[in-house]
Amino acid sequence: MAKYYVESGPVQLVLAAESPLAAAVKAFQWTCDRQAEILAESPLDHVQQADELGVQFDDVVFVNERGFGRFEAVWHAETVDILEAWMANHPL
């Protein structure tokens, strides 16, 4: 597994993963886990409530193997794509 630097908004994590997408999904799961104390009826409510607290991804997630704030050779995706990939493994 490679080491990836995942960055979006206030979130900056270093994770081992099989791919940049897998690293981004792990980082998204980490943000969800940080908000575990929120009582919500569905995962989408959970995401909306956590977003209101400001501990969520921005609109774009950057994943890099070289460090934070480095935009050469970077992989990125919109957060909605990361959410879809996460939901594929966490059906309602």
N, C-alpha and C. Protein backbone atom coordinates (compact mmCIF):
# COMPACT_ATOMS: atom_id res chain seq x y z
N MET A 1 0.84 -1.19 0.00
CA MET A 1 0.00 0.00 0.00
C MET A 1 0.88 1.24 0.00
N ALA A 2 0.41 2.23 -0.72
CA ALA A 2 1.13 3.50 -0.79
C ALA A 2 0.66 4.43 0.32
N LYS A 3 1.48 5.43 0.61
CA LYS A 3 1.13 6.45 1.59
C LYS A 3 0.60 7.66 0.82
N TYR A 4 -0.57 8.14 1.23
CA TYR A 4 -1.21 9.27 0.56
C TYR A 4 -1.47 10.40 1.55
N TYR A 5 -1.32 11.61 1.05
CA TYR A 5 -1.65 12.82 1.80
C TYR A 5 -3.00 13.30 1.26
N VAL A 6 -4.01 13.32 2.11
CA VAL A 6 -5.36 13.71 1.72
C VAL A 6 -5.64 15.07 2.34
N GLU A 7 -6.11 16.00 1.51
CA GLU A 7 -6.32 17.37 1.96
C GLU A 7 -7.61 17.93 1.37
N SER A 8 -8.44 18.47 2.23
CA SER A 8 -9.66 19.14 1.79
C SER A 8 -10.15 20.02 2.93
N GLY A 9 -10.22 21.30 2.66
CA GLY A 9 -10.62 22.22 3.72
C GLY A 9 -9.71 22.08 4.91
N PRO A 10 -10.27 21.94 6.12
CA PRO A 10 -9.43 21.82 7.31
C PRO A 10 -8.85 20.42 7.51
N VAL A 11 -9.27 19.46 6.70
CA VAL A 11 -8.83 18.07 6.86
C VAL A 11 -7.50 17.86 6.16
N GLN A 12 -6.52 17.36 6.89
CA GLN A 12 -5.23 16.95 6.35
C GLN A 12 -4.85 15.65 7.04
N LEU A 13 -4.82 14.56 6.27
CA LEU A 13 -4.52 13.24 6.82
C LEU A 13 -3.48 12.54 5.97
N VAL A 14 -2.67 11.71 6.60
CA VAL A 14 -1.74 10.83 5.90
C VAL A 14 -2.25 9.42 6.13
N LEU A 15 -2.53 8.71 5.02
CA LEU A 15 -3.14 7.39 5.12
C LEU A 15 -2.46 6.40 4.18
N ALA A 16 -2.43 5.15 4.55
CA ALA A 16 -2.00 4.08 3.65
C ALA A 16 -3.24 3.53 2.97
N ALA A 17 -3.17 3.38 1.65
CA ALA A 17 -4.33 2.89 0.90
C ALA A 17 -3.88 2.26 -0.41
N GLU A 18 -4.80 1.53 -1.03
CA GLU A 18 -4.53 0.87 -2.30
C GLU A 18 -4.49 1.83 -3.47
N SER A 19 -5.22 2.97 -3.36
CA SER A 19 -5.33 3.91 -4.46
C SER A 19 -5.65 5.29 -3.90
N PRO A 20 -5.51 6.33 -4.72
CA PRO A 20 -5.91 7.66 -4.26
C PRO A 20 -7.39 7.73 -3.87
N LEU A 21 -8.25 7.07 -4.65
CA LEU A 21 -9.68 7.06 -4.30
C LEU A 21 -9.90 6.38 -2.96
N ALA A 22 -9.24 5.26 -2.73
CA ALA A 22 -9.39 4.56 -1.45
C ALA A 22 -8.91 5.44 -0.29
N ALA A 23 -7.85 6.19 -0.51
CA ALA A 23 -7.37 7.11 0.53
C ALA A 23 -8.39 8.20 0.80
N ALA A 24 -8.99 8.74 -0.25
CA ALA A 24 -10.00 9.78 -0.08
C ALA A 24 -11.22 9.24 0.66
N VAL A 25 -11.63 8.02 0.34
CA VAL A 25 -12.77 7.41 1.02
C VAL A 25 -12.44 7.16 2.49
N LYS A 26 -11.22 6.70 2.79
CA LYS A 26 -10.82 6.51 4.18
C LYS A 26 -10.85 7.84 4.94
N ALA A 27 -10.40 8.90 4.29
CA ALA A 27 -10.40 10.22 4.93
C ALA A 27 -11.83 10.68 5.19
N PHE A 28 -12.72 10.42 4.23
CA PHE A 28 -14.13 10.77 4.42
C PHE A 28 -14.70 10.00 5.61
N GLN A 29 -14.37 8.71 5.70
CA GLN A 29 -14.84 7.90 6.83
C GLN A 29 -14.31 8.47 8.14
N TRP A 30 -13.07 8.93 8.14
CA TRP A 30 -12.48 9.54 9.33
C TRP A 30 -13.29 10.75 9.76
N THR A 31 -13.70 11.59 8.80
CA THR A 31 -14.50 12.77 9.16
C THR A 31 -15.85 12.35 9.72
N CYS A 32 -16.41 11.27 9.18
CA CYS A 32 -17.68 10.77 9.71
C CYS A 32 -17.50 10.24 11.13
N ASP A 33 -16.41 9.53 11.35
CA ASP A 33 -16.14 8.99 12.69
C ASP A 33 -15.95 10.11 13.70
N ARG A 34 -15.34 11.20 13.28
CA ARG A 34 -15.13 12.35 14.18
C ARG A 34 -16.46 12.96 14.58
N GLN A 35 -17.49 12.74 13.80
CA GLN A 35 -18.80 13.30 14.09
C GLN A 35 -19.75 12.24 14.63
N ALA A 36 -19.22 11.14 15.13
CA ALA A 36 -20.05 10.00 15.56
C ALA A 36 -21.03 10.36 16.66
N GLU A 37 -20.75 11.40 17.43
CA GLU A 37 -21.66 11.76 18.50
C GLU A 37 -22.93 12.42 18.01
N ILE A 38 -22.97 12.77 16.73
CA ILE A 38 -24.18 13.40 16.18
C ILE A 38 -25.24 12.33 15.96
N LEU A 39 -26.42 12.56 16.48
CA LEU A 39 -27.52 11.62 16.28
C LEU A 39 -28.32 12.08 15.07
N ALA A 40 -28.30 11.26 14.03
CA ALA A 40 -29.01 11.59 12.80
C ALA A 40 -29.76 10.36 12.32
N GLU A 41 -30.81 10.61 11.56
CA GLU A 41 -31.63 9.50 11.09
C GLU A 41 -31.05 8.79 9.87
N SER A 42 -30.23 9.46 9.07
CA SER A 42 -29.63 8.82 7.90
C SER A 42 -28.22 9.34 7.71
N PRO A 43 -27.39 8.61 6.95
CA PRO A 43 -26.03 9.09 6.69
C PRO A 43 -26.01 10.47 6.02
N LEU A 44 -26.98 10.76 5.17
CA LEU A 44 -26.99 12.07 4.52
C LEU A 44 -27.26 13.18 5.54
N ASP A 45 -28.16 12.92 6.50
CA ASP A 45 -28.38 13.88 7.58
C ASP A 45 -27.09 14.07 8.37
N HIS A 46 -26.40 12.97 8.59
CA HIS A 46 -25.13 12.97 9.32
C HIS A 46 -24.13 13.90 8.63
N VAL A 47 -24.02 13.77 7.32
CA VAL A 47 -23.09 14.60 6.54
C VAL A 47 -23.50 16.07 6.60
N GLN A 48 -24.79 16.34 6.48
CA GLN A 48 -25.26 17.72 6.53
C GLN A 48 -25.00 18.35 7.90
N GLN A 49 -25.26 17.61 8.97
CA GLN A 49 -25.04 18.14 10.30
C GLN A 49 -23.55 18.36 10.57
N ALA A 50 -22.72 17.43 10.14
CA ALA A 50 -21.28 17.59 10.33
C ALA A 50 -20.76 18.78 9.52
N ASP A 51 -21.32 18.96 8.32
CA ASP A 51 -20.91 20.09 7.49
C ASP A 51 -21.22 21.41 8.19
N GLU A 52 -22.35 21.47 8.87
CA GLU A 52 -22.71 22.68 9.61
C GLU A 52 -21.71 22.98 10.72
N LEU A 53 -21.09 21.94 11.26
CA LEU A 53 -20.08 22.13 12.30
C LEU A 53 -18.72 22.52 11.73
N GLY A 54 -18.57 22.43 10.41
CA GLY A 54 -17.33 22.85 9.78
C GLY A 54 -16.19 21.85 9.85
N VAL A 55 -16.48 20.58 10.08
CA VAL A 55 -15.44 19.57 10.14
C VAL A 55 -15.63 18.59 8.99
N GLN A 56 -15.82 19.10 7.81
CA GLN A 56 -16.03 18.28 6.64
C GLN A 56 -15.12 18.73 5.51
N PHE A 57 -15.12 17.96 4.47
CA PHE A 57 -14.36 18.29 3.28
C PHE A 57 -14.92 19.55 2.61
N ASP A 58 -14.07 20.25 1.89
CA ASP A 58 -14.52 21.30 0.99
C ASP A 58 -15.09 20.62 -0.26
N ASP A 59 -15.34 21.38 -1.31
CA ASP A 59 -15.93 20.83 -2.53
C ASP A 59 -14.99 19.89 -3.28
N VAL A 60 -13.68 20.06 -3.10
CA VAL A 60 -12.70 19.24 -3.81
C VAL A 60 -11.75 18.60 -2.81
N VAL A 61 -11.41 17.34 -3.07
CA VAL A 61 -10.47 16.59 -2.24
C VAL A 61 -9.19 16.39 -3.06
N PHE A 62 -8.05 16.73 -2.47
CA PHE A 62 -6.76 16.53 -3.13
C PHE A 62 -6.03 15.38 -2.46
N VAL A 63 -5.47 14.49 -3.27
CA VAL A 63 -4.70 13.36 -2.76
C VAL A 63 -3.36 13.37 -3.48
N ASN A 64 -2.28 13.25 -2.70
CA ASN A 64 -0.95 13.36 -3.25
C ASN A 64 -0.04 12.38 -2.53
N GLU A 65 0.99 11.91 -3.19
CA GLU A 65 1.96 11.03 -2.55
C GLU A 65 3.20 11.80 -2.09
N ARG A 66 3.21 13.12 -2.26
CA ARG A 66 4.42 13.89 -1.98
C ARG A 66 4.30 14.84 -0.80
N GLY A 67 3.11 15.12 -0.32
CA GLY A 67 2.95 16.01 0.82
C GLY A 67 1.77 16.95 0.66
N PHE A 68 1.48 17.70 1.68
CA PHE A 68 0.37 18.65 1.66
C PHE A 68 0.76 19.90 0.89
N GLY A 69 -0.22 20.51 0.23
CA GLY A 69 -0.01 21.77 -0.47
C GLY A 69 0.83 21.66 -1.72
N ARG A 70 1.07 20.46 -2.19
CA ARG A 70 1.85 20.25 -3.41
C ARG A 70 0.88 19.85 -4.51
N PHE A 71 0.85 20.60 -5.56
CA PHE A 71 -0.17 20.38 -6.57
C PHE A 71 0.37 19.76 -7.85
N GLU A 72 1.64 19.37 -7.87
CA GLU A 72 2.13 18.61 -9.01
C GLU A 72 1.83 17.13 -8.76
N ALA A 73 1.50 16.42 -9.80
CA ALA A 73 1.20 14.99 -9.72
C ALA A 73 0.13 14.70 -8.66
N VAL A 74 -0.88 15.52 -8.60
CA VAL A 74 -1.92 15.36 -7.59
C VAL A 74 -3.15 14.69 -8.22
N TRP A 75 -3.84 13.90 -7.44
CA TRP A 75 -5.11 13.32 -7.85
C TRP A 75 -6.18 14.07 -7.08
N HIS A 76 -7.26 14.42 -7.74
CA HIS A 76 -8.32 15.12 -7.02
C HIS A 76 -9.68 14.70 -7.56
N ALA A 77 -10.68 14.92 -6.74
CA ALA A 77 -12.06 14.61 -7.11
C ALA A 77 -12.98 15.53 -6.34
N GLU A 78 -14.17 15.68 -6.85
CA GLU A 78 -15.17 16.44 -6.11
C GLU A 78 -15.64 15.59 -4.93
N THR A 79 -15.96 16.26 -3.86
CA THR A 79 -16.39 15.56 -2.65
C THR A 79 -17.62 14.69 -2.90
N VAL A 80 -18.51 15.13 -3.76
CA VAL A 80 -19.70 14.34 -4.06
C VAL A 80 -19.31 12.98 -4.65
N ASP A 81 -18.23 12.91 -5.42
CA ASP A 81 -17.77 11.63 -5.96
C ASP A 81 -17.22 10.73 -4.86
N ILE A 82 -16.56 11.33 -3.89
CA ILE A 82 -16.04 10.57 -2.75
C ILE A 82 -17.21 10.05 -1.91
N LEU A 83 -18.22 10.89 -1.72
CA LEU A 83 -19.41 10.47 -0.99
C LEU A 83 -20.08 9.29 -1.68
N GLU A 84 -20.19 9.32 -3.00
CA GLU A 84 -20.79 8.21 -3.74
C GLU A 84 -19.99 6.92 -3.56
N ALA A 85 -18.67 7.02 -3.63
CA ALA A 85 -17.82 5.84 -3.43
C ALA A 85 -17.97 5.31 -2.01
N TRP A 86 -18.04 6.21 -1.03
CA TRP A 86 -18.22 5.80 0.36
C TRP A 86 -19.56 5.11 0.55
N MET A 87 -20.62 5.69 -0.06
CA MET A 87 -21.97 5.12 0.10
C MET A 87 -22.09 3.74 -0.57
N ALA A 88 -21.27 3.47 -1.57
CA ALA A 88 -21.28 2.15 -2.20
C ALA A 88 -20.91 1.07 -1.19
N ASN A 89 -20.12 1.42 -0.19
CA ASN A 89 -19.73 0.46 0.85
C ASN A 89 -20.54 0.61 2.13
N HIS A 90 -21.41 1.63 2.20
CA HIS A 90 -22.22 1.89 3.38
C HIS A 90 -23.67 2.17 2.93
N PRO A 91 -24.34 1.14 2.37
CA PRO A 91 -25.71 1.40 1.88
C PRO A 91 -26.66 1.77 3.00
N LEU A 92 -27.68 2.52 2.61
CA LEU A 92 -28.69 2.97 3.61
C LEU A 92 -29.54 1.82 4.06
